[in-house]
């Protein structure tokens, strides 16, 4: 494990009003309820996967790896 910091690119953004055409495209209004539900769903999926026994997680991972290898041959 490294203690070095990793440099990342920053994105500059400004809030816009609903329907502001100068934003360069469609602007979706921020909906706190949707954001909260998305966060809950993400956390639920993470906790579900974390609750699986280790052998189940590694078995599924191995199955997906094998499927990827077989699918690559079908292309």
N, C-alpha and C. Protein backbone atom coordinates (compact mmCIF):
# COMPACT_ATOMS: atom_id res chain seq x y z
N UNK A 1 0.85 -1.17 0.00
CA UNK A 1 0.00 0.00 0.00
C UNK A 1 0.89 1.24 0.00
N UNK A 2 0.61 2.14 -0.89
CA UNK A 2 1.41 3.33 -1.04
C UNK A 2 0.77 4.51 -0.32
N UNK A 3 1.61 5.39 0.19
CA UNK A 3 1.09 6.60 0.85
C UNK A 3 1.22 7.82 -0.05
N UNK A 4 1.62 7.62 -1.29
CA UNK A 4 1.78 8.73 -2.22
C UNK A 4 0.41 9.24 -2.68
N UNK A 5 0.32 10.54 -2.88
CA UNK A 5 -0.90 11.12 -3.39
C UNK A 5 -0.94 10.98 -4.90
N UNK A 6 -2.13 10.78 -5.43
CA UNK A 6 -2.30 10.64 -6.87
C UNK A 6 -2.91 11.92 -7.41
N UNK A 7 -2.30 12.49 -8.45
CA UNK A 7 -2.80 13.72 -9.04
C UNK A 7 -4.01 13.39 -9.91
N UNK A 8 -5.05 14.18 -9.78
CA UNK A 8 -6.27 13.99 -10.58
C UNK A 8 -6.62 15.30 -11.26
N UNK A 9 -7.35 15.19 -12.36
CA UNK A 9 -7.82 16.38 -13.06
C UNK A 9 -9.06 16.92 -12.35
N UNK A 10 -9.16 18.23 -12.27
CA UNK A 10 -10.33 18.85 -11.66
C UNK A 10 -11.25 19.36 -12.74
N UNK A 11 -12.53 19.32 -12.46
CA UNK A 11 -13.52 19.83 -13.39
C UNK A 11 -14.14 21.06 -12.76
N UNK A 12 -14.10 22.15 -13.48
CA UNK A 12 -14.71 23.38 -13.00
C UNK A 12 -16.14 23.44 -13.52
N UNK A 13 -17.06 23.78 -12.65
CA UNK A 13 -18.47 23.86 -13.04
C UNK A 13 -19.13 25.00 -12.29
N UNK A 14 -20.19 25.48 -12.87
CA UNK A 14 -20.98 26.53 -12.24
C UNK A 14 -22.43 26.09 -12.22
N UNK A 15 -23.15 26.42 -11.16
CA UNK A 15 -24.58 26.09 -11.14
C UNK A 15 -25.32 26.90 -12.20
N UNK A 16 -26.33 26.33 -12.77
CA UNK A 16 -27.14 27.02 -13.78
C UNK A 16 -28.60 26.95 -13.36
N UNK A 17 -29.37 27.88 -13.87
CA UNK A 17 -30.80 27.89 -13.62
C UNK A 17 -31.47 26.86 -14.52
N UNK A 18 -32.61 26.34 -14.09
CA UNK A 18 -33.38 25.40 -14.92
C UNK A 18 -33.65 26.00 -16.30
N UNK A 19 -33.38 25.25 -17.34
CA UNK A 19 -33.68 25.69 -18.69
C UNK A 19 -32.72 26.72 -19.24
N UNK A 20 -31.57 26.90 -18.63
CA UNK A 20 -30.58 27.87 -19.10
C UNK A 20 -29.95 27.36 -20.39
N UNK A 21 -30.30 27.98 -21.51
CA UNK A 21 -29.83 27.52 -22.82
C UNK A 21 -28.34 27.77 -23.03
N UNK A 22 -27.76 28.70 -22.29
CA UNK A 22 -26.35 29.01 -22.48
C UNK A 22 -25.43 27.94 -21.90
N UNK A 23 -25.99 26.93 -21.27
CA UNK A 23 -25.19 25.89 -20.65
C UNK A 23 -24.62 24.92 -21.67
N UNK A 24 -25.01 25.04 -22.90
CA UNK A 24 -24.42 24.19 -23.94
C UNK A 24 -25.08 22.84 -24.09
N UNK A 25 -26.30 22.71 -23.72
CA UNK A 25 -26.99 21.44 -23.87
C UNK A 25 -28.07 21.29 -22.81
N UNK A 26 -28.58 20.10 -22.70
CA UNK A 26 -29.64 19.85 -21.74
C UNK A 26 -29.10 19.93 -20.32
N UNK A 27 -29.84 20.59 -19.47
CA UNK A 27 -29.44 20.73 -18.08
C UNK A 27 -30.51 20.06 -17.22
N UNK A 28 -30.11 19.08 -16.47
CA UNK A 28 -31.05 18.39 -15.60
C UNK A 28 -31.05 19.08 -14.24
N UNK A 29 -32.23 19.30 -13.72
CA UNK A 29 -32.34 19.91 -12.40
C UNK A 29 -31.91 18.90 -11.34
N UNK A 30 -31.23 19.38 -10.32
CA UNK A 30 -30.81 18.51 -9.22
C UNK A 30 -32.03 18.14 -8.40
N UNK A 31 -32.23 16.86 -8.23
CA UNK A 31 -33.35 16.37 -7.44
C UNK A 31 -32.79 15.64 -6.23
N UNK A 32 -32.89 16.21 -5.03
CA UNK A 32 -32.30 15.58 -3.85
C UNK A 32 -32.91 14.22 -3.55
N UNK A 33 -34.19 14.03 -3.86
CA UNK A 33 -34.83 12.74 -3.60
C UNK A 33 -34.21 11.66 -4.48
N UNK A 34 -33.99 11.97 -5.75
CA UNK A 34 -33.37 11.01 -6.67
C UNK A 34 -31.94 10.71 -6.24
N UNK A 35 -31.22 11.73 -5.83
CA UNK A 35 -29.84 11.53 -5.37
C UNK A 35 -29.81 10.63 -4.14
N UNK A 36 -30.74 10.84 -3.22
CA UNK A 36 -30.80 10.02 -2.01
C UNK A 36 -31.15 8.57 -2.34
N UNK A 37 -32.10 8.38 -3.25
CA UNK A 37 -32.47 7.01 -3.65
C UNK A 37 -31.32 6.31 -4.37
N UNK A 38 -30.60 7.04 -5.22
CA UNK A 38 -29.44 6.46 -5.90
C UNK A 38 -28.38 6.02 -4.89
N UNK A 39 -28.13 6.86 -3.89
CA UNK A 39 -27.14 6.53 -2.87
C UNK A 39 -27.58 5.32 -2.05
N UNK A 40 -28.87 5.25 -1.72
CA UNK A 40 -29.39 4.09 -0.98
C UNK A 40 -29.26 2.81 -1.80
N UNK A 41 -29.57 2.90 -3.09
CA UNK A 41 -29.46 1.72 -3.95
C UNK A 41 -28.02 1.24 -4.04
N UNK A 42 -27.10 2.18 -4.24
CA UNK A 42 -25.68 1.83 -4.32
C UNK A 42 -25.22 1.14 -3.04
N UNK A 43 -25.57 1.71 -1.90
CA UNK A 43 -25.17 1.14 -0.61
C UNK A 43 -25.81 -0.24 -0.41
N UNK A 44 -27.06 -0.41 -0.82
CA UNK A 44 -27.73 -1.70 -0.66
C UNK A 44 -27.05 -2.79 -1.48
N UNK A 45 -26.67 -2.45 -2.71
CA UNK A 45 -25.98 -3.43 -3.56
C UNK A 45 -24.62 -3.78 -2.97
N UNK A 46 -23.89 -2.77 -2.47
CA UNK A 46 -22.58 -3.03 -1.86
C UNK A 46 -22.73 -3.93 -0.65
N UNK A 47 -23.73 -3.67 0.20
CA UNK A 47 -23.92 -4.49 1.40
C UNK A 47 -24.38 -5.90 1.04
N UNK A 48 -25.19 -6.03 0.01
CA UNK A 48 -25.62 -7.35 -0.43
C UNK A 48 -24.42 -8.18 -0.88
N UNK A 49 -23.58 -7.59 -1.71
CA UNK A 49 -22.40 -8.31 -2.20
C UNK A 49 -21.44 -8.62 -1.05
N UNK A 50 -21.31 -7.70 -0.11
CA UNK A 50 -20.42 -7.93 1.03
C UNK A 50 -20.94 -9.03 1.94
N UNK A 51 -22.26 -9.27 1.93
CA UNK A 51 -22.83 -10.30 2.80
C UNK A 51 -22.67 -11.71 2.23
N UNK A 52 -22.32 -11.82 0.95
CA UNK A 52 -22.13 -13.14 0.37
C UNK A 52 -20.87 -13.77 0.97
N UNK A 53 -20.91 -15.08 1.21
CA UNK A 53 -19.69 -15.75 1.68
C UNK A 53 -18.55 -15.58 0.67
N UNK A 54 -17.31 -15.63 1.16
CA UNK A 54 -16.14 -15.42 0.31
C UNK A 54 -16.11 -16.40 -0.87
N UNK A 55 -16.44 -17.65 -0.61
CA UNK A 55 -16.41 -18.65 -1.70
C UNK A 55 -17.43 -18.31 -2.79
N UNK A 56 -18.56 -17.76 -2.38
CA UNK A 56 -19.57 -17.37 -3.37
C UNK A 56 -19.04 -16.23 -4.23
N UNK A 57 -18.44 -15.21 -3.60
CA UNK A 57 -17.91 -14.08 -4.37
C UNK A 57 -16.82 -14.53 -5.32
N UNK A 58 -15.88 -15.35 -4.86
CA UNK A 58 -14.79 -15.78 -5.74
C UNK A 58 -15.30 -16.72 -6.82
N UNK A 59 -16.29 -17.53 -6.49
CA UNK A 59 -16.86 -18.44 -7.49
C UNK A 59 -17.54 -17.66 -8.61
N UNK A 60 -18.35 -16.65 -8.22
CA UNK A 60 -19.00 -15.83 -9.23
C UNK A 60 -17.97 -15.08 -10.07
N UNK A 61 -16.95 -14.56 -9.44
CA UNK A 61 -15.91 -13.83 -10.18
C UNK A 61 -15.24 -14.75 -11.20
N UNK A 62 -14.95 -15.98 -10.78
CA UNK A 62 -14.32 -16.94 -11.69
C UNK A 62 -15.27 -17.27 -12.85
N UNK A 63 -16.57 -17.43 -12.54
CA UNK A 63 -17.54 -17.72 -13.60
C UNK A 63 -17.61 -16.59 -14.62
N UNK A 64 -17.61 -15.33 -14.15
CA UNK A 64 -17.66 -14.20 -15.06
C UNK A 64 -16.40 -14.12 -15.90
N UNK A 65 -15.23 -14.41 -15.29
CA UNK A 65 -13.98 -14.41 -16.05
C UNK A 65 -14.04 -15.45 -17.16
N UNK A 66 -14.55 -16.64 -16.84
CA UNK A 66 -14.66 -17.70 -17.84
C UNK A 66 -15.63 -17.32 -18.94
N UNK A 67 -16.73 -16.66 -18.57
CA UNK A 67 -17.69 -16.22 -19.57
C UNK A 67 -17.07 -15.20 -20.51
N UNK A 68 -16.29 -14.27 -19.96
CA UNK A 68 -15.62 -13.27 -20.80
C UNK A 68 -14.68 -13.93 -21.80
N UNK A 69 -13.95 -14.96 -21.37
CA UNK A 69 -13.01 -15.65 -22.25
C UNK A 69 -13.79 -16.37 -23.36
N UNK A 70 -14.89 -17.05 -23.00
CA UNK A 70 -15.67 -17.75 -24.01
C UNK A 70 -16.33 -16.76 -24.97
N UNK A 71 -16.85 -15.64 -24.44
CA UNK A 71 -17.51 -14.64 -25.28
C UNK A 71 -16.53 -14.02 -26.26
N UNK A 72 -15.29 -13.84 -25.86
CA UNK A 72 -14.27 -13.27 -26.75
C UNK A 72 -14.06 -14.17 -27.96
N UNK A 73 -14.19 -15.47 -27.78
CA UNK A 73 -14.03 -16.41 -28.89
C UNK A 73 -15.21 -16.40 -29.84
N UNK A 74 -16.37 -15.93 -29.39
CA UNK A 74 -17.57 -15.90 -30.22
C UNK A 74 -17.62 -14.68 -31.11
N UNK A 75 -16.81 -13.69 -30.83
CA UNK A 75 -16.89 -12.44 -31.61
C UNK A 75 -16.24 -12.59 -32.95
